[in-house]
């Protein structure tokens, strides 16, 4: 009788623990899915951030490399003028007659069509 009670008590205490240990809980994504997710994230980052930024930088570098004396340009601050002299990293812009301003080449945003300054 005591043995039966002891056996019943042991089964009541041990069996629920075994049932919990055997249950398969929800599993996270496998290693392959994580690699695919990471690769997709890198592709999105490349096409939305890195590639457009490098393309704009390349176009700006070509723009600055193609500047010549007499070109009409627009500078970052909204200043428009005609290039009168070009040095290594600087330009001298003629803003109006007998008024010249020195600016960095990197500040040039666009080259305006010829005659734009006369129309303003």
PDB file of N, CA and C in Angstrom:
ATOM      1  N   UNK A   1       0.820  -1.170   0.000  1.00  0.00           N
ATOM      2  CA  UNK A   1       0.000   0.000   0.000  1.00  0.00           C
ATOM      3  C   UNK A   1       0.879   1.254   0.000  1.00  0.00           C
ATOM      4  N   UNK A   2       1.837   1.283   0.853  1.00  0.00           N
ATOM      5  CA  UNK A   2       2.767   2.399   0.901  1.00  0.00           C
ATOM      6  C   UNK A   2       3.543   2.505  -0.395  1.00  0.00           C
ATOM      7  N   UNK A   3       3.873   1.373  -0.947  1.00  0.00           N
ATOM      8  CA  UNK A   3       4.596   1.346  -2.213  1.00  0.00           C
ATOM      9  C   UNK A   3       3.735   1.886  -3.355  1.00  0.00           C
ATOM     10  N   UNK A   4       2.459   1.561  -3.359  1.00  0.00           N
ATOM     11  CA  UNK A   4       1.544   2.070  -4.374  1.00  0.00           C
ATOM     12  C   UNK A   4       1.405   3.587  -4.270  1.00  0.00           C
ATOM     13  N   UNK A   5       1.282   4.086  -3.060  1.00  0.00           N
ATOM     14  CA  UNK A   5       1.165   5.533  -2.859  1.00  0.00           C
ATOM     15  C   UNK A   5       2.455   6.245  -3.286  1.00  0.00           C
ATOM     16  N   UNK A   6       3.565   5.671  -2.940  1.00  0.00           N
ATOM     17  CA  UNK A   6       4.853   6.249  -3.323  1.00  0.00           C
ATOM     18  C   UNK A   6       5.012   6.245  -4.840  1.00  0.00           C
ATOM     19  N   UNK A   7       4.619   5.181  -5.488  1.00  0.00           N
ATOM     20  CA  UNK A   7       4.676   5.086  -6.946  1.00  0.00           C
ATOM     21  C   UNK A   7       3.728   6.104  -7.586  1.00  0.00           C
ATOM     22  N   UNK A   8       2.558   6.276  -7.040  1.00  0.00           N
ATOM     23  CA  UNK A   8       1.591   7.255  -7.551  1.00  0.00           C
ATOM     24  C   UNK A   8       2.133   8.675  -7.378  1.00  0.00           C
ATOM     25  N   UNK A   9       2.748   8.942  -6.234  1.00  0.00           N
ATOM     26  CA  UNK A   9       3.323  10.266  -5.978  1.00  0.00           C
ATOM     27  C   UNK A   9       4.476  10.558  -6.937  1.00  0.00           C
ATOM     28  N   UNK A  10       5.315   9.583  -7.197  1.00  0.00           N
ATOM     29  CA  UNK A  10       6.436   9.756  -8.106  1.00  0.00           C
ATOM     30  C   UNK A  10       5.926  10.009  -9.521  1.00  0.00           C
ATOM     31  N   UNK A  11       4.921   9.272  -9.941  1.00  0.00           N
ATOM     32  CA  UNK A  11       4.385   9.477 -11.286  1.00  0.00           C
ATOM     33  C   UNK A  11       3.715  10.835 -11.404  1.00  0.00           C
ATOM     34  N   UNK A  12       3.053  11.299 -10.374  1.00  0.00           N
ATOM     35  CA  UNK A  12       2.432  12.631 -10.418  1.00  0.00           C
ATOM     36  C   UNK A  12       3.485  13.740 -10.498  1.00  0.00           C
ATOM     37  N   UNK A  13       4.604  13.546  -9.861  1.00  0.00           N
ATOM     38  CA  UNK A  13       5.638  14.563  -9.860  1.00  0.00           C
ATOM     39  C   UNK A  13       6.526  14.504 -11.111  1.00  0.00           C
ATOM     40  N   UNK A  14       6.809  13.334 -11.630  1.00  0.00           N
ATOM     41  CA  UNK A  14       7.744  13.164 -12.731  1.00  0.00           C
ATOM     42  C   UNK A  14       7.070  13.284 -14.092  1.00  0.00           C
ATOM     43  N   UNK A  15       5.902  12.710 -14.281  1.00  0.00           N
ATOM     44  CA  UNK A  15       5.243  12.696 -15.582  1.00  0.00           C
ATOM     45  C   UNK A  15       4.934  14.088 -16.132  1.00  0.00           C
ATOM     46  N   UNK A  16       4.444  15.037 -15.346  1.00  0.00           N
ATOM     47  CA  UNK A  16       4.245  16.373 -15.937  1.00  0.00           C
ATOM     48  C   UNK A  16       5.555  17.006 -16.397  1.00  0.00           C
ATOM     49  N   UNK A  17       6.622  16.752 -15.681  1.00  0.00           N
ATOM     50  CA  UNK A  17       7.928  17.265 -16.093  1.00  0.00           C
ATOM     51  C   UNK A  17       8.391  16.647 -17.393  1.00  0.00           C
ATOM     52  N   UNK A  18       8.132  15.373 -17.594  1.00  0.00           N
ATOM     53  CA  UNK A  18       8.475  14.700 -18.839  1.00  0.00           C
ATOM     54  C   UNK A  18       7.632  15.209 -19.989  1.00  0.00           C
ATOM     55  N   UNK A  19       6.370  15.470 -19.710  1.00  0.00           N
ATOM     56  CA  UNK A  19       5.477  15.975 -20.761  1.00  0.00           C
ATOM     57  C   UNK A  19       5.920  17.366 -21.209  1.00  0.00           C
ATOM     58  N   UNK A  20       6.342  18.185 -20.287  1.00  0.00           N
ATOM     59  CA  UNK A  20       6.812  19.525 -20.632  1.00  0.00           C
ATOM     60  C   UNK A  20       8.119  19.449 -21.403  1.00  0.00           C
ATOM     61  N   UNK A  21       8.995  18.551 -21.029  1.00  0.00           N
ATOM     62  CA  UNK A  21      10.284  18.427 -21.699  1.00  0.00           C
ATOM     63  C   UNK A  21      10.123  17.912 -23.121  1.00  0.00           C
ATOM     64  N   UNK A  22       9.083  17.139 -23.380  1.00  0.00           N
ATOM     65  CA  UNK A  22       8.894  16.565 -24.691  1.00  0.00           C
ATOM     66  C   UNK A  22       8.148  17.488 -25.647  1.00  0.00           C
ATOM     67  N   UNK A  23       7.493  18.533 -25.129  1.00  0.00           N
ATOM     68  CA  UNK A  23       6.745  19.437 -26.002  1.00  0.00           C
ATOM     69  C   UNK A  23       7.710  20.220 -26.887  1.00  0.00           C
ATOM     70  N   UNK A  24       7.360  20.305 -28.141  1.00  0.00           N
ATOM     71  CA  UNK A  24       8.173  21.080 -29.083  1.00  0.00           C
ATOM     72  C   UNK A  24       7.591  22.486 -29.140  1.00  0.00           C
ATOM     73  N   UNK A  25       8.326  23.444 -28.658  1.00  0.00           N
ATOM     74  CA  UNK A  25       7.871  24.831 -28.688  1.00  0.00           C
ATOM     75  C   UNK A  25       8.082  25.425 -30.064  1.00  0.00           C
ATOM     76  N   UNK A  26       7.584  26.618 -30.275  1.00  0.00           N
ATOM     77  CA  UNK A  26       7.789  27.267 -31.574  1.00  0.00           C
ATOM     78  C   UNK A  26       9.278  27.542 -31.806  1.00  0.00           C
ATOM     79  N   UNK A  27       9.739  27.190 -32.979  1.00  0.00           N
ATOM     80  CA  UNK A  27      11.145  27.387 -33.295  1.00  0.00           C
ATOM     81  C   UNK A  27      11.305  28.631 -34.145  1.00  0.00           C
ATOM     82  N   UNK A  28      12.421  29.315 -33.981  1.00  0.00           N
ATOM     83  CA  UNK A  28      12.723  30.505 -34.773  1.00  0.00           C
ATOM     84  C   UNK A  28      13.156  30.111 -36.177  1.00  0.00           C
ATOM     85  N   UNK A  29      13.419  31.096 -37.011  1.00  0.00           N
ATOM     86  CA  UNK A  29      13.852  30.798 -38.376  1.00  0.00           C
ATOM     87  C   UNK A  29      15.201  30.068 -38.373  1.00  0.00           C
ATOM     88  N   UNK A  30      15.362  29.206 -39.336  1.00  0.00           N
ATOM     89  CA  UNK A  30      16.599  28.438 -39.440  1.00  0.00           C
ATOM     90  C   UNK A  30      17.761  29.311 -39.866  1.00  0.00           C
ATOM     91  N   UNK A  31      18.924  28.722 -39.874  1.00  0.00           N
ATOM     92  CA  UNK A  31      20.132  29.467 -40.234  1.00  0.00           C
ATOM     93  C   UNK A  31      20.084  29.944 -41.677  1.00  0.00           C
ATOM     94  N   UNK A  32      19.521  29.133 -42.568  1.00  0.00           N
ATOM     95  CA  UNK A  32      19.444  29.512 -43.977  1.00  0.00           C
ATOM     96  C   UNK A  32      18.532  30.730 -44.166  1.00  0.00           C
ATOM     97  N   UNK A  33      17.416  30.763 -43.447  1.00  0.00           N
ATOM     98  CA  UNK A  33      16.502  31.902 -43.544  1.00  0.00           C
ATOM     99  C   UNK A  33      17.164  33.179 -43.018  1.00  0.00           C
ATOM    100  N   UNK A  34      17.950  33.056 -41.985  1.00  0.00           N
ATOM    101  CA  UNK A  34      18.655  34.218 -41.448  1.00  0.00           C
ATOM    102  C   UNK A  34      19.667  34.748 -42.453  1.00  0.00           C
ATOM    103  N   UNK A  35      20.359  33.856 -43.151  1.00  0.00           N
ATOM    104  CA  UNK A  35      21.341  34.281 -44.160  1.00  0.00           C
ATOM    105  C   UNK A  35      20.627  34.966 -45.323  1.00  0.00           C
ATOM    106  N   UNK A  36      19.486  34.407 -45.750  1.00  0.00           N
ATOM    107  CA  UNK A  36      18.713  35.023 -46.834  1.00  0.00           C
ATOM    108  C   UNK A  36      18.201  36.395 -46.408  1.00  0.00           C
ATOM    109  N   UNK A  37      17.723  36.502 -45.187  1.00  0.00           N
ATOM    110  CA  UNK A  37      17.236  37.782 -44.670  1.00  0.00           C
ATOM    111  C   UNK A  37      18.363  38.822 -44.630  1.00  0.00           C
ATOM    112  N   UNK A  38      19.534  38.427 -44.166  1.00  0.00           N
ATOM    113  CA  UNK A  38      20.681  39.333 -44.099  1.00  0.00           C
ATOM    114  C   UNK A  38      21.111  39.755 -45.501  1.00  0.00           C
ATOM    115  N   UNK A  39      21.141  38.805 -46.443  1.00  0.00           N
ATOM    116  CA  UNK A  39      21.489  39.133 -47.828  1.00  0.00           C
ATOM    117  C   UNK A  39      20.490  40.097 -48.445  1.00  0.00           C
ATOM    118  N   UNK A  40      19.198  39.888 -48.180  1.00  0.00           N
ATOM    119  CA  UNK A  40      18.173  40.811 -48.677  1.00  0.00           C
ATOM    120  C   UNK A  40      18.343  42.196 -48.096  1.00  0.00           C
ATOM    121  N   UNK A  41      18.662  42.277 -46.821  1.00  0.00           N
ATOM    122  CA  UNK A  41      18.884  43.571 -46.176  1.00  0.00           C
ATOM    123  C   UNK A  41      20.073  44.290 -46.797  1.00  0.00           C
ATOM    124  N   UNK A  42      21.128  43.570 -47.088  1.00  0.00           N
ATOM    125  CA  UNK A  42      22.317  44.172 -47.713  1.00  0.00           C
ATOM    126  C   UNK A  42      21.989  44.661 -49.117  1.00  0.00           C
ATOM    127  N   UNK A  43      21.216  43.890 -49.878  1.00  0.00           N
ATOM    128  CA  UNK A  43      20.816  44.322 -51.225  1.00  0.00           C
ATOM    129  C   UNK A  43      19.962  45.583 -51.185  1.00  0.00           C
ATOM    130  N   UNK A  44      19.024  45.635 -50.266  1.00  0.00           N
ATOM    131  CA  UNK A  44      18.181  46.824 -50.129  1.00  0.00           C
ATOM    132  C   UNK A  44      19.039  48.031 -49.773  1.00  0.00           C
ATOM    133  N   UNK A  45      19.956  47.863 -48.840  1.00  0.00           N
ATOM    134  CA  UNK A  45      20.841  48.954 -48.444  1.00  0.00           C
ATOM    135  C   UNK A  45      21.677  49.425 -49.627  1.00  0.00           C
ATOM    136  N   UNK A  46      22.180  48.485 -50.427  1.00  0.00           N
ATOM    137  CA  UNK A  46      23.009  48.830 -51.579  1.00  0.00           C
ATOM    138  C   UNK A  46      22.219  49.629 -52.605  1.00  0.00           C
ATOM    139  N   UNK A  47      21.033  49.139 -52.993  1.00  0.00           N
ATOM    140  CA  UNK A  47      20.275  49.782 -54.052  1.00  0.00           C
ATOM    141  C   UNK A  47      19.587  51.076 -53.612  1.00  0.00           C
ATOM    142  N   UNK A  48      19.284  51.238 -52.335  1.00  0.00           N
ATOM    143  CA  UNK A  48      18.585  52.444 -51.883  1.00  0.00           C
ATOM    144  C   UNK A  48      19.502  53.514 -51.310  1.00  0.00           C
ATOM    145  N   UNK A  49      20.676  53.144 -50.867  1.00  0.00           N
ATOM    146  CA  UNK A  49      21.550  54.133 -50.220  1.00  0.00           C
ATOM    147  C   UNK A  49      22.895  54.267 -50.932  1.00  0.00           C
ATOM    148  N   UNK A  50      23.650  53.212 -50.982  1.00  0.00           N
ATOM    149  CA  UNK A  50      25.039  53.294 -51.413  1.00  0.00           C
ATOM    150  C   UNK A  50      25.175  53.616 -52.894  1.00  0.00           C
ATOM    151  N   UNK A  51      24.468  52.917 -53.755  1.00  0.00           N
ATOM    152  CA  UNK A  51      24.591  53.116 -55.200  1.00  0.00           C
ATOM    153  C   UNK A  51      24.162  54.518 -55.636  1.00  0.00           C
ATOM    154  N   UNK A  52      22.982  55.031 -55.209  1.00  0.00           N
ATOM    155  CA  UNK A  52      22.615  56.394 -55.618  1.00  0.00           C
ATOM    156  C   UNK A  52      23.589  57.454 -55.111  1.00  0.00           C
ATOM    157  N   UNK A  53      24.095  57.267 -53.900  1.00  0.00           N
ATOM    158  CA  UNK A  53      25.029  58.251 -53.353  1.00  0.00           C
ATOM    159  C   UNK A  53      26.332  58.258 -54.143  1.00  0.00           C
ATOM    160  N   UNK A  54      26.846  57.096 -54.492  1.00  0.00           N
ATOM    161  CA  UNK A  54      28.101  57.053 -55.261  1.00  0.00           C
ATOM    162  C   UNK A  54      27.882  57.586 -56.678  1.00  0.00           C
ATOM    163  N   UNK A  55      26.694  57.377 -57.220  1.00  0.00           N
ATOM    164  CA  UNK A  55      26.385  57.895 -58.551  1.00  0.00           C
ATOM    165  C   UNK A  55      26.344  59.426 -58.545  1.00  0.00           C
ATOM    166  N   UNK A  56      25.710  60.013 -57.511  1.00  0.00           N
ATOM    167  CA  UNK A  56      25.675  61.478 -57.397  1.00  0.00           C
ATOM    168  C   UNK A  56      27.073  62.051 -57.198  1.00  0.00           C
ATOM    169  N   UNK A  57      27.886  61.384 -56.383  1.00  0.00           N
ATOM    170  CA  UNK A  57      29.253  61.857 -56.145  1.00  0.00           C
ATOM    171  C   UNK A  57      30.069  61.810 -57.438  1.00  0.00           C
ATOM    172  N   UNK A  58      29.891  60.778 -58.232  1.00  0.00           N
ATOM    173  CA  UNK A  58      30.615  60.655 -59.497  1.00  0.00           C
ATOM    174  C   UNK A  58      30.184  61.761 -60.466  1.00  0.00           C
ATOM    175  N   UNK A  59      28.879  62.022 -60.558  1.00  0.00           N
ATOM    176  CA  UNK A  59      28.383  63.087 -61.438  1.00  0.00           C
ATOM    177  C   UNK A  59      28.901  64.452 -61.002  1.00  0.00           C
ATOM    178  N   UNK A  60      28.943  64.697 -59.689  1.00  0.00           N
ATOM    179  CA  UNK A  60      29.438  65.984 -59.179  1.00  0.00           C
ATOM    180  C   UNK A  60      30.925  66.142 -59.472  1.00  0.00           C
ATOM    181  N   UNK A  61      31.674  65.048 -59.350  1.00  0.00           N
ATOM    182  CA  UNK A  61      33.105  65.093 -59.644  1.00  0.00           C
ATOM    183  C   UNK A  61      33.346  65.415 -61.120  1.00  0.00           C
ATOM    184  N   UNK A  62      32.533  64.817 -62.005  1.00  0.00           N
ATOM    185  CA  UNK A  62      32.636  65.116 -63.440  1.00  0.00           C
ATOM    186  C   UNK A  62      32.257  66.565 -63.726  1.00  0.00           C
ATOM    187  N   UNK A  63      31.246  67.071 -63.028  1.00  0.00           N
ATOM    188  CA  UNK A  63      30.819  68.462 -63.199  1.00  0.00           C
ATOM    189  C   UNK A  63      31.946  69.413 -62.828  1.00  0.00           C
ATOM    190  N   UNK A  64      32.574  69.171 -61.702  1.00  0.00           N
ATOM    191  CA  UNK A  64      33.665  70.038 -61.241  1.00  0.00           C
ATOM    192  C   UNK A  64      34.872  69.919 -62.166  1.00  0.00           C
ATOM    193  N   UNK A  65      35.138  68.726 -62.654  1.00  0.00           N
ATOM    194  CA  UNK A  65      36.270  68.528 -63.556  1.00  0.00           C
ATOM    195  C   UNK A  65      36.083  69.208 -64.903  1.00  0.00           C
ATOM    196  N   UNK A  66      34.843  69.438 -65.296  1.00  0.00           N
ATOM    197  CA  UNK A  66      34.575  70.032 -66.602  1.00  0.00           C
ATOM    198  C   UNK A  66      34.346  71.530 -66.579  1.00  0.00           C
ATOM    199  N   UNK A  67      34.632  72.194 -65.469  1.00  0.00           N
ATOM    200  CA  UNK A  67      34.429  73.646 -65.387  1.00  0.00           C
ATOM    201  C   UNK A  67      35.493  74.388 -66.196  1.00  0.00           C
ATOM    202  N   UNK A  68      35.065  75.405 -66.915  1.00  0.00           N
ATOM    203  CA  UNK A  68      35.973  76.216 -67.716  1.00  0.00           C
ATOM    204  C   UNK A  68      35.710  77.697 -67.463  1.00  0.00           C
ATOM    205  N   UNK A  69      36.687  78.496 -67.832  1.00  0.00           N
ATOM    206  CA  UNK A  69      36.543  79.939 -67.732  1.00  0.00           C
ATOM    207  C   UNK A  69      35.402  80.385 -68.652  1.00  0.00           C
ATOM    208  N   UNK A  70      34.519  81.214 -68.121  1.00  0.00           N
ATOM    209  CA  UNK A  70      33.393  81.715 -68.896  1.00  0.00           C
ATOM    210  C   UNK A  70      32.095  80.964 -68.643  1.00  0.00           C
ATOM    211  N   UNK A  71      32.147  79.824 -67.949  1.00  0.00           N
ATOM    212  CA  UNK A  71      30.917  79.084 -67.619  1.00  0.00           C
ATOM    213  C   UNK A  71      30.117  79.847 -66.575  1.00  0.00           C
ATOM    214  N   UNK A  72      28.819  79.789 -66.700  1.00  0.00           N
ATOM    215  CA  UNK A  72      27.933  80.389 -65.704  1.00  0.00           C
ATOM    216  C   UNK A  72      27.495  79.273 -64.762  1.00  0.00           C
ATOM    217  N   UNK A  73      27.699  79.491 -63.458  1.00  0.00           N
ATOM    218  CA  UNK A  73      27.447  78.438 -62.475  1.00  0.00           C
ATOM    219  C   UNK A  73      26.572  78.952 -61.336  1.00  0.00           C
ATOM    220  N   UNK A  74      25.989  77.980 -60.632  1.00  0.00           N
ATOM    221  CA  UNK A  74      25.210  78.244 -59.431  1.00  0.00           C
ATOM    222  C   UNK A  74      25.913  77.560 -58.277  1.00  0.00           C
ATOM    223  N   UNK A  75      26.082  78.297 -57.163  1.00  0.00           N
ATOM    224  CA  UNK A  75      26.817  77.795 -56.003  1.00  0.00           C
ATOM    225  C   UNK A  75      25.810  77.381 -54.932  1.00  0.00           C
ATOM    226  N   UNK A  76      26.243  76.549 -53.975  1.00  0.00           N
ATOM    227  CA  UNK A  76      25.378  76.026 -52.911  1.00  0.00           C
ATOM    228  C   UNK A  76      24.507  77.081 -52.247  1.00  0.00           C
ATOM    229  N   UNK A  77      25.025  78.208 -51.954  1.00  0.00           N
ATOM    230  CA  UNK A  77      24.270  79.242 -51.242  1.00  0.00           C
ATOM    231  C   UNK A  77      23.286  79.995 -52.114  1.00  0.00           C
ATOM    232  N   UNK A  78      23.201  79.650 -53.384  1.00  0.00           N
ATOM    233  CA  UNK A  78      22.278  80.323 -54.281  1.00  0.00           C
ATOM    234  C   UNK A  78      22.934  81.442 -55.067  1.00  0.00           C
ATOM    235  N   UNK A  79      24.229  81.599 -54.925  1.00  0.00           N
ATOM    236  CA  UNK A  79      24.969  82.628 -55.631  1.00  0.00           C
ATOM    237  C   UNK A  79      25.229  82.176 -57.063  1.00  0.00           C
ATOM    238  N   UNK A  80      24.904  83.042 -58.022  1.00  0.00           N
ATOM    239  CA  UNK A  80      25.128  82.716 -59.428  1.00  0.00           C
ATOM    240  C   UNK A  80      26.154  83.679 -59.994  1.00  0.00           C
ATOM    241  N   UNK A  81      27.036  83.166 -60.814  1.00  0.00           N
ATOM    242  CA  UNK A  81      28.065  84.017 -61.395  1.00  0.00           C
ATOM    243  C   UNK A  81      28.768  83.345 -62.551  1.00  0.00           C
ATOM    244  N   UNK A  82      29.655  84.121 -63.183  1.00  0.00           N
ATOM    245  CA  UNK A  82      30.424  83.650 -64.324  1.00  0.00           C
ATOM    246  C   UNK A  82      31.857  83.413 -63.857  1.00  0.00           C
ATOM    247  N   UNK A  83      32.443  82.296 -64.248  1.00  0.00           N
ATOM    248  CA  UNK A  83      33.801  81.966 -63.824  1.00  0.00           C
ATOM    249  C   UNK A  83      34.784  82.859 -64.572  1.00  0.00           C
ATOM    250  N   UNK A  84      35.605  83.608 -63.799  1.00  0.00           N
ATOM    251  CA  UNK A  84      36.606  84.460 -64.430  1.00  0.00           C
ATOM    252  C   UNK A  84      38.012  83.861 -64.312  1.00  0.00           C
ATOM    253  N   UNK A  85      38.261  83.092 -63.231  1.00  0.00           N
ATOM    254  CA  UNK A  85      39.555  82.432 -63.058  1.00  0.00           C
ATOM    255  C   UNK A  85      39.342  81.104 -62.344  1.00  0.00           C
ATOM    256  N   UNK A  86      40.208  80.156 -62.665  1.00  0.00           N
ATOM    257  CA  UNK A  86      40.153  78.850 -62.004  1.00  0.00           C
ATOM    258  C   UNK A  86      41.533  78.550 -61.442  1.00  0.00           C
ATOM    259  N   UNK A  87      41.566  78.209 -60.150  1.00  0.00           N
ATOM    260  CA  UNK A  87      42.810  77.769 -59.519  1.00  0.00           C
ATOM    261  C   UNK A  87      42.620  76.312 -59.106  1.00  0.00           C
ATOM    262  N   UNK A  88      43.525  75.776 -58.310  1.00  0.00           N
ATOM    263  CA  UNK A  88      43.471  74.358 -57.940  1.00  0.00           C
ATOM    264  C   UNK A  88      42.123  73.954 -57.340  1.00  0.00           C
ATOM    265  N   UNK A  89      41.798  74.501 -56.196  1.00  0.00           N
ATOM    266  CA  UNK A  89      40.561  74.128 -55.507  1.00  0.00           C
ATOM    267  C   UNK A  89      39.551  75.272 -55.444  1.00  0.00           C
ATOM    268  N   UNK A  90      39.881  76.408 -56.039  1.00  0.00           N
ATOM    269  CA  UNK A  90      39.009  77.580 -55.936  1.00  0.00           C
ATOM    270  C   UNK A  90      38.671  78.158 -57.304  1.00  0.00           C
ATOM    271  N   UNK A  91      37.537  78.845 -57.340  1.00  0.00           N
ATOM    272  CA  UNK A  91      37.101  79.575 -58.528  1.00  0.00           C
ATOM    273  C   UNK A  91      36.918  81.033 -58.140  1.00  0.00           C
ATOM    274  N   UNK A  92      37.091  81.899 -59.100  1.00  0.00           N
ATOM    275  CA  UNK A  92      36.757  83.307 -58.899  1.00  0.00           C
ATOM    276  C   UNK A  92      35.546  83.571 -59.780  1.00  0.00           C
ATOM    277  N   UNK A  93      34.414  83.879 -59.126  1.00  0.00           N
ATOM    278  CA  UNK A  93      33.172  84.146 -59.836  1.00  0.00           C
ATOM    279  C   UNK A  93      32.960  85.638 -59.984  1.00  0.00           C
ATOM    280  N   UNK A  94      32.591  86.055 -61.159  1.00  0.00           N
ATOM    281  CA  UNK A  94      32.210  87.441 -61.390  1.00  0.00           C
ATOM    282  C   UNK A  94      30.699  87.503 -61.194  1.00  0.00           C
ATOM    283  N   UNK A  95      30.291  88.096 -60.063  1.00  0.00           N
ATOM    284  CA  UNK A  95      28.887  88.161 -59.710  1.00  0.00           C
ATOM    285  C   UNK A  95      28.203  89.302 -60.457  1.00  0.00           C
ATOM    286  N   UNK A  96      28.869  90.423 -60.527  1.00  0.00           N
ATOM    287  CA  UNK A  96      28.405  91.565 -61.327  1.00  0.00           C
ATOM    288  C   UNK A  96      29.659  92.266 -61.843  1.00  0.00           C
ATOM    289  N   UNK A  97      29.478  93.351 -62.584  1.00  0.00           N
ATOM    290  CA  UNK A  97      30.646  94.049 -63.126  1.00  0.00           C
ATOM    291  C   UNK A  97      31.544  94.515 -61.993  1.00  0.00           C
ATOM    292  N   UNK A  98      32.819  94.192 -62.091  1.00  0.00           N
ATOM    293  CA  UNK A  98      33.862  94.575 -61.142  1.00  0.00           C
ATOM    294  C   UNK A  98      33.639  94.023 -59.734  1.00  0.00           C
ATOM    295  N   UNK A  99      32.820  92.987 -59.599  1.00  0.00           N
ATOM    296  CA  UNK A  99      32.622  92.355 -58.288  1.00  0.00           C
ATOM    297  C   UNK A  99      32.888  90.859 -58.433  1.00  0.00           C
ATOM    298  N   UNK A 100      33.954  90.402 -57.769  1.00  0.00           N
ATOM    299  CA  UNK A 100      34.345  89.006 -57.864  1.00  0.00           C
ATOM    300  C   UNK A 100      34.311  88.357 -56.482  1.00  0.00           C
ATOM    301  N   UNK A 101      33.973  87.080 -56.459  1.00  0.00           N
ATOM    302  CA  UNK A 101      33.883  86.310 -55.224  1.00  0.00           C
ATOM    303  C   UNK A 101      34.667  85.022 -55.416  1.00  0.00           C
ATOM    304  N   UNK A 102      35.453  84.650 -54.388  1.00  0.00           N
ATOM    305  CA  UNK A 102      36.194  83.391 -54.432  1.00  0.00           C
ATOM    306  C   UNK A 102      35.362  82.318 -53.737  1.00  0.00           C
ATOM    307  N   UNK A 103      35.201  81.171 -54.415  1.00  0.00           N
ATOM    308  CA  UNK A 103      34.462  80.041 -53.844  1.00  0.00           C
ATOM    309  C   UNK A 103      35.221  78.746 -54.125  1.00  0.00           C
ATOM    310  N   UNK A 104      34.956  77.739 -53.313  1.00  0.00           N
ATOM    311  CA  UNK A 104      35.559  76.428 -53.560  1.00  0.00           C
ATOM    312  C   UNK A 104      34.873  75.756 -54.732  1.00  0.00           C
ATOM    313  N   UNK A 105      35.617  74.932 -55.437  1.00  0.00           N
ATOM    314  CA  UNK A 105      35.045  74.206 -56.572  1.00  0.00           C
ATOM    315  C   UNK A 105      33.922  73.273 -56.119  1.00  0.00           C
ATOM    316  N   UNK A 106      34.059  72.701 -54.951  1.00  0.00           N
ATOM    317  CA  UNK A 106      33.051  71.769 -54.443  1.00  0.00           C
ATOM    318  C   UNK A 106      31.711  72.413 -54.152  1.00  0.00           C
ATOM    319  N   UNK A 107      31.689  73.733 -54.049  1.00  0.00           N
ATOM    320  CA  UNK A 107      30.436  74.431 -53.753  1.00  0.00           C
ATOM    321  C   UNK A 107      29.560  74.600 -54.985  1.00  0.00           C
ATOM    322  N   UNK A 108      30.104  74.358 -56.168  1.00  0.00           N
ATOM    323  CA  UNK A 108      29.335  74.508 -57.399  1.00  0.00           C
ATOM    324  C   UNK A 108      28.331  73.357 -57.485  1.00  0.00           C
ATOM    325  N   UNK A 109      27.044  73.722 -57.678  1.00  0.00           N
ATOM    326  CA  UNK A 109      26.014  72.693 -57.774  1.00  0.00           C
ATOM    327  C   UNK A 109      25.605  72.419 -59.212  1.00  0.00           C
ATOM    328  N   UNK A 110      25.478  73.461 -60.034  1.00  0.00           N
ATOM    329  CA  UNK A 110      25.075  73.260 -61.428  1.00  0.00           C
ATOM    330  C   UNK A 110      25.774  74.248 -62.338  1.00  0.00           C
ATOM    331  N   UNK A 111      25.896  73.851 -63.580  1.00  0.00           N
ATOM    332  CA  UNK A 111      26.381  74.757 -64.617  1.00  0.00           C
ATOM    333  C   UNK A 111      25.144  75.240 -65.361  1.00  0.00           C
ATOM    334  N   UNK A 112      24.977  76.549 -65.413  1.00  0.00           N
ATOM    335  CA  UNK A 112      23.806  77.141 -66.056  1.00  0.00           C
ATOM    336  C   UNK A 112      24.032  77.278 -67.558  1.00  0.00           C
ATOM    337  N   UNK A 113      22.955  77.276 -68.338  1.00  0.00           N
ATOM    338  CA  UNK A 113      23.109  77.521 -69.777  1.00  0.00           C
ATOM    339  C   UNK A 113      23.613  78.945 -70.027  1.00  0.00           C
ATOM    340  N   UNK A 114      24.345  79.130 -71.109  1.00  0.00           N
ATOM    341  CA  UNK A 114      24.898  80.446 -71.448  1.00  0.00           C
ATOM    342  C   UNK A 114      23.766  81.469 -71.579  1.00  0.00           C
ATOM    343  N   UNK A 115      23.984  82.646 -71.033  1.00  0.00           N
ATOM    344  CA  UNK A 115      23.006  83.719 -71.128  1.00  0.00           C
ATOM    345  C   UNK A 115      21.975  83.731 -70.006  1.00  0.00           C
ATOM    346  N   UNK A 116      22.061  82.807 -69.083  1.00  0.00           N
ATOM    347  CA  UNK A 116      21.100  82.779 -67.988  1.00  0.00           C
ATOM    348  C   UNK A 116      21.258  83.982 -67.073  1.00  0.00           C
ATOM    349  N   UNK A 117      22.490  84.424 -66.832  1.00  0.00           N
ATOM    350  CA  UNK A 117      22.721  85.552 -65.924  1.00  0.00           C
ATOM    351  C   UNK A 117      22.161  86.847 -66.494  1.00  0.00           C
ATOM    352  N   UNK A 118      22.136  86.998 -67.791  1.00  0.00           N
ATOM    353  CA  UNK A 118      21.593  88.210 -68.392  1.00  0.00           C
ATOM    354  C   UNK A 118      20.079  88.263 -68.252  1.00  0.00           C
ATOM    355  N   UNK A 119      19.438  87.076 -68.210  1.00  0.00           N
ATOM    356  CA  UNK A 119      17.984  87.023 -68.081  1.00  0.00           C
ATOM    357  C   UNK A 119      17.512  87.273 -66.658  1.00  0.00           C
ATOM    358  N   UNK A 120      18.386  87.115 -65.699  1.00  0.00           N
ATOM    359  CA  UNK A 120      17.980  87.289 -64.287  1.00  0.00           C
ATOM    360  C   UNK A 120      17.899  88.747 -63.933  1.00  0.00           C
TER     361      UNK A 120
END
